[in-house]
C-alpha atoms as a PDB file:
ATOM      1  CA  UNK A   1     117.405 110.678  68.888  1.00  0.00           C
ATOM      2  CA  UNK A   2     115.340 113.362  70.605  1.00  0.00           C
ATOM      3  CA  UNK A   3     112.156 111.297  70.635  1.00  0.00           C
ATOM      4  CA  UNK A   4     111.661 108.872  73.480  1.00  0.00           C
ATOM      5  CA  UNK A   5     111.395 105.365  72.158  1.00  0.00           C
ATOM      6  CA  UNK A   6     108.191 103.654  73.183  1.00  0.00           C
ATOM      7  CA  UNK A   7     108.327 100.113  74.396  1.00  0.00           C
ATOM      8  CA  UNK A   8     106.945  97.775  71.742  1.00  0.00           C
ATOM      9  CA  UNK A   9     104.416  95.326  73.128  1.00  0.00           C
ATOM     10  CA  UNK A  10     102.641  92.581  71.228  1.00  0.00           C
ATOM     11  CA  UNK A  11      99.996  89.971  71.964  1.00  0.00           C
ATOM     12  CA  UNK A  12     102.733  87.355  71.690  1.00  0.00           C
ATOM     13  CA  UNK A  13     104.572  89.089  74.531  1.00  0.00           C
ATOM     14  CA  UNK A  14     101.548  88.756  76.813  1.00  0.00           C
ATOM     15  CA  UNK A  15     101.178  85.096  75.839  1.00  0.00           C
ATOM     16  CA  UNK A  16     104.833  84.491  76.739  1.00  0.00           C
ATOM     17  CA  UNK A  17     104.361  86.186  80.101  1.00  0.00           C
ATOM     18  CA  UNK A  18     101.375  83.983  80.926  1.00  0.00           C
ATOM     19  CA  UNK A  19     103.097  80.831  79.637  1.00  0.00           C
ATOM     20  CA  UNK A  20     106.204  81.578  81.697  1.00  0.00           C
ATOM     21  CA  UNK A  21     104.059  82.092  84.794  1.00  0.00           C
ATOM     22  CA  UNK A  22     102.199  78.826  84.236  1.00  0.00           C
ATOM     23  CA  UNK A  23     105.523  77.031  83.786  1.00  0.00           C
ATOM     24  CA  UNK A  24     106.926  78.327  87.074  1.00  0.00           C
ATOM     25  CA  UNK A  25     103.762  77.307  88.929  1.00  0.00           C
ATOM     26  CA  UNK A  26     103.812  73.861  87.310  1.00  0.00           C
ATOM     27  CA  UNK A  27     107.454  73.299  88.272  1.00  0.00           C
ATOM     28  CA  UNK A  28     106.835  74.472  91.847  1.00  0.00           C
ATOM     29  CA  UNK A  29     103.894  72.094  92.230  1.00  0.00           C
ATOM     30  CA  UNK A  30     105.948  69.233  90.772  1.00  0.00           C
ATOM     31  CA  UNK A  31     108.788  69.893  93.202  1.00  0.00           C
ATOM     32  CA  UNK A  32     106.348  69.567  96.089  1.00  0.00           C
ATOM     33  CA  UNK A  33     105.957  65.835  95.517  1.00  0.00           C
ATOM     34  CA  UNK A  34     109.671  64.968  95.206  1.00  0.00           C
ATOM     35  CA  UNK A  35     110.279  64.679  98.987  1.00  0.00           C
ATOM     36  CA  UNK A  36     107.454  62.131  99.134  1.00  0.00           C
ATOM     37  CA  UNK A  37     109.329  59.948  96.655  1.00  0.00           C
ATOM     38  CA  UNK A  38     112.341  59.920  98.983  1.00  0.00           C
ATOM     39  CA  UNK A  39     110.137  58.837 101.882  1.00  0.00           C
ATOM     40  CA  UNK A  40     108.644  56.029  99.799  1.00  0.00           C
ATOM     41  CA  UNK A  41     112.132  54.584  99.232  1.00  0.00           C
ATOM     42  CA  UNK A  42     113.031  54.576 102.930  1.00  0.00           C
ATOM     43  CA  UNK A  43     109.996  53.099 104.655  1.00  0.00           C
ATOM     44  CA  UNK A  44     107.948  49.956 104.386  1.00  0.00           C
ATOM     45  CA  UNK A  45     104.381  50.082 103.129  1.00  0.00           C
ATOM     46  CA  UNK A  46     103.070  49.592 106.671  1.00  0.00           C
ATOM     47  CA  UNK A  47     104.968  52.617 107.974  1.00  0.00           C
ATOM     48  CA  UNK A  48     104.592  54.971 105.048  1.00  0.00           C
ATOM     49  CA  UNK A  49     101.504  56.760 106.382  1.00  0.00           C
ATOM     50  CA  UNK A  50     102.889  57.466 109.826  1.00  0.00           C
ATOM     51  CA  UNK A  51     106.416  58.353 108.692  1.00  0.00           C
ATOM     52  CA  UNK A  52     105.386  60.388 105.666  1.00  0.00           C
ATOM     53  CA  UNK A  53     102.385  62.162 107.219  1.00  0.00           C
ATOM     54  CA  UNK A  54     104.140  65.521 107.935  1.00  0.00           C
ATOM     55  CA  UNK A  55     105.378  65.743 104.362  1.00  0.00           C
ATOM     56  CA  UNK A  56     102.037  64.627 102.972  1.00  0.00           C
ATOM     57  CA  UNK A  57     100.319  67.290 105.032  1.00  0.00           C
ATOM     58  CA  UNK A  58     102.699  69.951 103.760  1.00  0.00           C
ATOM     59  CA  UNK A  59     102.227  68.750 100.181  1.00  0.00           C
ATOM     60  CA  UNK A  60      98.424  68.687 100.378  1.00  0.00           C
ATOM     61  CA  UNK A  61      98.076  72.110 101.961  1.00  0.00           C
ATOM     62  CA  UNK A  62     100.654  73.762  99.711  1.00  0.00           C
ATOM     63  CA  UNK A  63      99.184  72.206  96.567  1.00  0.00           C
ATOM     64  CA  UNK A  64      95.689  73.406  97.468  1.00  0.00           C
ATOM     65  CA  UNK A  65      96.858  76.937  98.246  1.00  0.00           C
ATOM     66  CA  UNK A  66      99.042  77.218  95.134  1.00  0.00           C
ATOM     67  CA  UNK A  67      96.146  75.934  93.013  1.00  0.00           C
ATOM     68  CA  UNK A  68      93.825  78.568  94.490  1.00  0.00           C
ATOM     69  CA  UNK A  69      96.416  81.282  93.857  1.00  0.00           C
ATOM     70  CA  UNK A  70      96.858  80.118  90.270  1.00  0.00           C
ATOM     71  CA  UNK A  71      93.098  80.287  89.685  1.00  0.00           C
ATOM     72  CA  UNK A  72      93.054  83.905  90.875  1.00  0.00           C
ATOM     73  CA  UNK A  73      96.138  84.702  88.766  1.00  0.00           C
ATOM     74  CA  UNK A  74      94.513  83.107  85.717  1.00  0.00           C
ATOM     75  CA  UNK A  75      91.346  85.160  86.166  1.00  0.00           C
ATOM     76  CA  UNK A  76      93.350  88.378  86.513  1.00  0.00           C
ATOM     77  CA  UNK A  77      95.204  87.860  83.242  1.00  0.00           C
ATOM     78  CA  UNK A  78      91.944  87.031  81.502  1.00  0.00           C
ATOM     79  CA  UNK A  79      90.832  90.580  82.331  1.00  0.00           C
ATOM     80  CA  UNK A  80      93.587  92.317  80.352  1.00  0.00           C
ATOM     81  CA  UNK A  81      94.774  92.312  76.767  1.00  0.00           C
ATOM     82  CA  UNK A  82      98.140  94.036  77.168  1.00  0.00           C
ATOM     83  CA  UNK A  83     100.997  94.364  79.640  1.00  0.00           C
ATOM     84  CA  UNK A  84     103.653  96.826  80.743  1.00  0.00           C
ATOM     85  CA  UNK A  85     106.818  96.883  82.812  1.00  0.00           C
ATOM     86  CA  UNK A  86     104.933  97.477  86.064  1.00  0.00           C
ATOM     87  CA  UNK A  87     102.820  94.375  85.524  1.00  0.00           C
ATOM     88  CA  UNK A  88     105.802  92.268  84.457  1.00  0.00           C
ATOM     89  CA  UNK A  89     107.743  93.006  87.633  1.00  0.00           C
ATOM     90  CA  UNK A  90     104.691  92.614  89.860  1.00  0.00           C
ATOM     91  CA  UNK A  91     104.204  89.199  88.270  1.00  0.00           C
ATOM     92  CA  UNK A  92     107.880  88.332  88.804  1.00  0.00           C
ATOM     93  CA  UNK A  93     107.491  89.148  92.491  1.00  0.00           C
ATOM     94  CA  UNK A  94     104.570  86.722  92.713  1.00  0.00           C
ATOM     95  CA  UNK A  95     106.515  84.015  90.878  1.00  0.00           C
ATOM     96  CA  UNK A  96     109.414  84.446  93.314  1.00  0.00           C
ATOM     97  CA  UNK A  97     107.070  83.693  96.222  1.00  0.00           C
ATOM     98  CA  UNK A  98     105.685  80.679  94.373  1.00  0.00           C
ATOM     99  CA  UNK A  99     109.174  79.337  93.633  1.00  0.00           C
ATOM    100  CA  UNK A 100     110.023  79.555  97.351  1.00  0.00           C
ATOM    101  CA  UNK A 101     107.105  77.367  98.448  1.00  0.00           C
ATOM    102  CA  UNK A 102     108.752  73.956  97.829  1.00  0.00           C
ATOM    103  CA  UNK A 103     111.440  74.970 100.323  1.00  0.00           C
ATOM    104  CA  UNK A 104     108.995  76.083 103.013  1.00  0.00           C
ATOM    105  CA  UNK A 105     106.912  72.949 102.415  1.00  0.00           C
ATOM    106  CA  UNK A 106     109.988  70.784 102.934  1.00  0.00           C
ATOM    107  CA  UNK A 107     110.782  72.658 106.158  1.00  0.00           C
ATOM    108  CA  UNK A 108     107.310  71.718 107.409  1.00  0.00           C
ATOM    109  CA  UNK A 109     107.819  68.101 106.339  1.00  0.00           C
ATOM    110  CA  UNK A 110     111.158  67.669 108.083  1.00  0.00           C
ATOM    111  CA  UNK A 111     110.850  70.144 110.942  1.00  0.00           C
ATOM    112  CA  UNK A 112     108.992  70.166 114.216  1.00  0.00           C
ATOM    113  CA  UNK A 113     105.514  71.662 113.905  1.00  0.00           C
ATOM    114  CA  UNK A 114     105.649  72.495 117.597  1.00  0.00           C
ATOM    115  CA  UNK A 115     108.381  74.971 116.693  1.00  0.00           C
ATOM    116  CA  UNK A 116     106.806  78.398 116.175  1.00  0.00           C
ATOM    117  CA  UNK A 117     109.570  79.375 113.741  1.00  0.00           C
ATOM    118  CA  UNK A 118     108.704  76.482 111.419  1.00  0.00           C
ATOM    119  CA  UNK A 119     105.037  77.444 111.378  1.00  0.00           C
ATOM    120  CA  UNK A 120     105.846  81.130 110.913  1.00  0.00           C
ATOM    121  CA  UNK A 121     108.150  80.413 107.970  1.00  0.00           C
ATOM    122  CA  UNK A 122     105.605  78.234 106.212  1.00  0.00           C
ATOM    123  CA  UNK A 123     102.480  80.315 106.743  1.00  0.00           C
ATOM    124  CA  UNK A 124     104.483  83.499 106.189  1.00  0.00           C
ATOM    125  CA  UNK A 125     105.560  82.250 102.759  1.00  0.00           C
ATOM    126  CA  UNK A 126     101.898  81.771 101.851  1.00  0.00           C
ATOM    127  CA  UNK A 127     101.081  85.251 103.134  1.00  0.00           C
ATOM    128  CA  UNK A 128     103.853  86.590 100.884  1.00  0.00           C
ATOM    129  CA  UNK A 129     102.183  84.873  97.906  1.00  0.00           C
ATOM    130  CA  UNK A 130      98.876  86.511  98.754  1.00  0.00           C
ATOM    131  CA  UNK A 131     100.465  89.942  99.147  1.00  0.00           C
ATOM    132  CA  UNK A 132     102.310  89.575  95.825  1.00  0.00           C
ATOM    133  CA  UNK A 133      99.032  88.611  94.140  1.00  0.00           C
ATOM    134  CA  UNK A 134      97.475  91.787  95.549  1.00  0.00           C
ATOM    135  CA  UNK A 135     100.395  93.739  94.054  1.00  0.00           C
ATOM    136  CA  UNK A 136      99.387  92.359  90.644  1.00  0.00           C
ATOM    137  CA  UNK A 137      95.833  93.569  91.281  1.00  0.00           C
ATOM    138  CA  UNK A 138      97.155  97.057  92.026  1.00  0.00           C
ATOM    139  CA  UNK A 139      99.465  96.986  88.988  1.00  0.00           C
ATOM    140  CA  UNK A 140      96.520  96.204  86.719  1.00  0.00           C
ATOM    141  CA  UNK A 141      94.283  98.847  88.267  1.00  0.00           C
ATOM    142  CA  UNK A 142      97.036 101.439  87.817  1.00  0.00           C
ATOM    143  CA  UNK A 143      97.718 100.460  84.191  1.00  0.00           C
ATOM    144  CA  UNK A 144      94.910 101.685  81.916  1.00  0.00           C
ATOM    145  CA  UNK A 145      97.042 100.723  78.908  1.00  0.00           C
ATOM    146  CA  UNK A 146      96.397  97.066  79.766  1.00  0.00           C
ATOM    147  CA  UNK A 147      92.609  97.387  79.949  1.00  0.00           C
ATOM    148  CA  UNK A 148      90.525  95.984  77.055  1.00  0.00           C
ATOM    149  CA  UNK A 149      89.000  98.901  75.110  1.00  0.00           C
ATOM    150  CA  UNK A 150      90.131 101.228  77.882  1.00  0.00           C
ATOM    151  CA  UNK A 151      87.512  99.877  80.299  1.00  0.00           C
ATOM    152  CA  UNK A 152      88.537  99.224  83.901  1.00  0.00           C
ATOM    153  CA  UNK A 153      88.647  95.465  84.637  1.00  0.00           C
ATOM    154  CA  UNK A 154      86.123  94.111  87.093  1.00  0.00           C
ATOM    155  CA  UNK A 155      88.565  93.474  89.947  1.00  0.00           C
ATOM    156  CA  UNK A 156      86.796  93.023  93.260  1.00  0.00           C
ATOM    157  CA  UNK A 157      88.840  95.153  95.643  1.00  0.00           C
ATOM    158  CA  UNK A 158      86.765  93.899  98.570  1.00  0.00           C
ATOM    159  CA  UNK A 159      87.734  90.314  97.764  1.00  0.00           C
ATOM    160  CA  UNK A 160      91.413  91.312  97.630  1.00  0.00           C
ATOM    161  CA  UNK A 161      91.253  93.004 101.034  1.00  0.00           C
ATOM    162  CA  UNK A 162      89.343  90.089 102.572  1.00  0.00           C
ATOM    163  CA  UNK A 163      91.846  87.591 101.173  1.00  0.00           C
ATOM    164  CA  UNK A 164      94.732  89.517 102.734  1.00  0.00           C
ATOM    165  CA  UNK A 165      92.888  89.831 106.027  1.00  0.00           C
ATOM    166  CA  UNK A 166      92.136  86.130 106.187  1.00  0.00           C
ATOM    167  CA  UNK A 167      95.758  85.280 105.389  1.00  0.00           C
ATOM    168  CA  UNK A 168      96.949  87.639 108.126  1.00  0.00           C
ATOM    169  CA  UNK A 169      94.565  86.000 110.604  1.00  0.00           C
ATOM    170  CA  UNK A 170      95.759  82.544 109.574  1.00  0.00           C
ATOM    171  CA  UNK A 171      99.364  83.638 110.101  1.00  0.00           C
ATOM    172  CA  UNK A 172      98.720  84.965 113.605  1.00  0.00           C
ATOM    173  CA  UNK A 173      96.611  82.003 114.727  1.00  0.00           C
ATOM    174  CA  UNK A 174      98.750  79.357 113.053  1.00  0.00           C
ATOM    175  CA  UNK A 175     101.989  80.799 114.391  1.00  0.00           C
ATOM    176  CA  UNK A 176     101.027  81.573 117.959  1.00  0.00           C
ATOM    177  CA  UNK A 177      98.396  78.909 118.698  1.00  0.00           C
ATOM    178  CA  UNK A 178     100.349  75.675 118.459  1.00  0.00           C
ATOM    179  CA  UNK A 179      97.397  73.229 118.813  1.00  0.00           C
ATOM    180  CA  UNK A 180      95.812  74.766 115.712  1.00  0.00           C
ATOM    181  CA  UNK A 181      99.004  75.205 113.707  1.00  0.00           C
ATOM    182  CA  UNK A 182      98.636  74.724 109.971  1.00  0.00           C
ATOM    183  CA  UNK A 183      94.927  74.024 110.322  1.00  0.00           C
ATOM    184  CA  UNK A 184      94.541  77.794 110.592  1.00  0.00           C
ATOM    185  CA  UNK A 185      94.935  77.869 106.816  1.00  0.00           C
ATOM    186  CA  UNK A 186      91.425  76.441 106.551  1.00  0.00           C
ATOM    187  CA  UNK A 187      90.347  80.026 107.215  1.00  0.00           C
ATOM    188  CA  UNK A 188      91.088  80.627 103.525  1.00  0.00           C
ATOM    189  CA  UNK A 189      87.818  78.879 102.705  1.00  0.00           C
ATOM    190  CA  UNK A 190      86.012  81.680 104.539  1.00  0.00           C
ATOM    191  CA  UNK A 191      87.330  84.408 102.239  1.00  0.00           C
ATOM    192  CA  UNK A 192      84.620  84.053  99.606  1.00  0.00           C
ATOM    193  CA  UNK A 193      81.682  83.784 102.066  1.00  0.00           C
ATOM    194  CA  UNK A 194      82.970  86.827 103.960  1.00  0.00           C
ATOM    195  CA  UNK A 195      83.285  88.781 100.718  1.00  0.00           C
ATOM    196  CA  UNK A 196      79.746  87.825  99.722  1.00  0.00           C
ATOM    197  CA  UNK A 197      78.421  88.817 103.130  1.00  0.00           C
ATOM    198  CA  UNK A 198      80.079  92.248 102.907  1.00  0.00           C
ATOM    199  CA  UNK A 199      78.801  92.873  99.394  1.00  0.00           C
ATOM    200  CA  UNK A 200      75.255  91.830 100.310  1.00  0.00           C
ATOM    201  CA  UNK A 201      75.393  94.211 103.245  1.00  0.00           C
ATOM    202  CA  UNK A 202      76.386  97.050 100.937  1.00  0.00           C
ATOM    203  CA  UNK A 203      73.648  96.295  98.425  1.00  0.00           C
ATOM    204  CA  UNK A 204      70.838  96.169 100.975  1.00  0.00           C
ATOM    205  CA  UNK A 205      68.974  99.490 101.253  1.00  0.00           C
ATOM    206  CA  UNK A 206      69.388 101.330 104.506  1.00  0.00           C
ATOM    207  CA  UNK A 207      66.357 101.280 106.779  1.00  0.00           C
END
């Protein structure tokens, strides 16, 4: 055939892509709690808090971050009504980083948080998730065929850049400043206020 065959895409295909993504995230979050079940079998009720605290900390932080990433992912896919190969593979990259998180969370739970390598592995895995999510943003912005009625989705590029910057700062501080460690991830809560501050500064008329 001389004509190039066009990839056939349907609404059902987009639904399957979203459902598959939700399934991977759900499994990853479920796997986070399994190490806690092992701890519960090995310690008495009086010791469970002290012995299980590192794993509980890793579970709580990872769950919160994955949940926040899923919310952003959900909002992104609500902005489009089609998909293409670029978006599929960008999404697969993000899912790969999500699937890796139970491992890095377990490393935190069983390793020594005073070890810079342990902190770098864990926070670095979260940075990878954030970068992969930004790749999805770019894939959507570069794919007009996915836009509803051909209109560019309202993706806040400033928010994307701020999110990456905050994650980078959390990685540097959490890795190299041992007393702060994983608490550096609390910087993520500053991403939205920083974005709002930047946008308000842009909207104010110059004097």
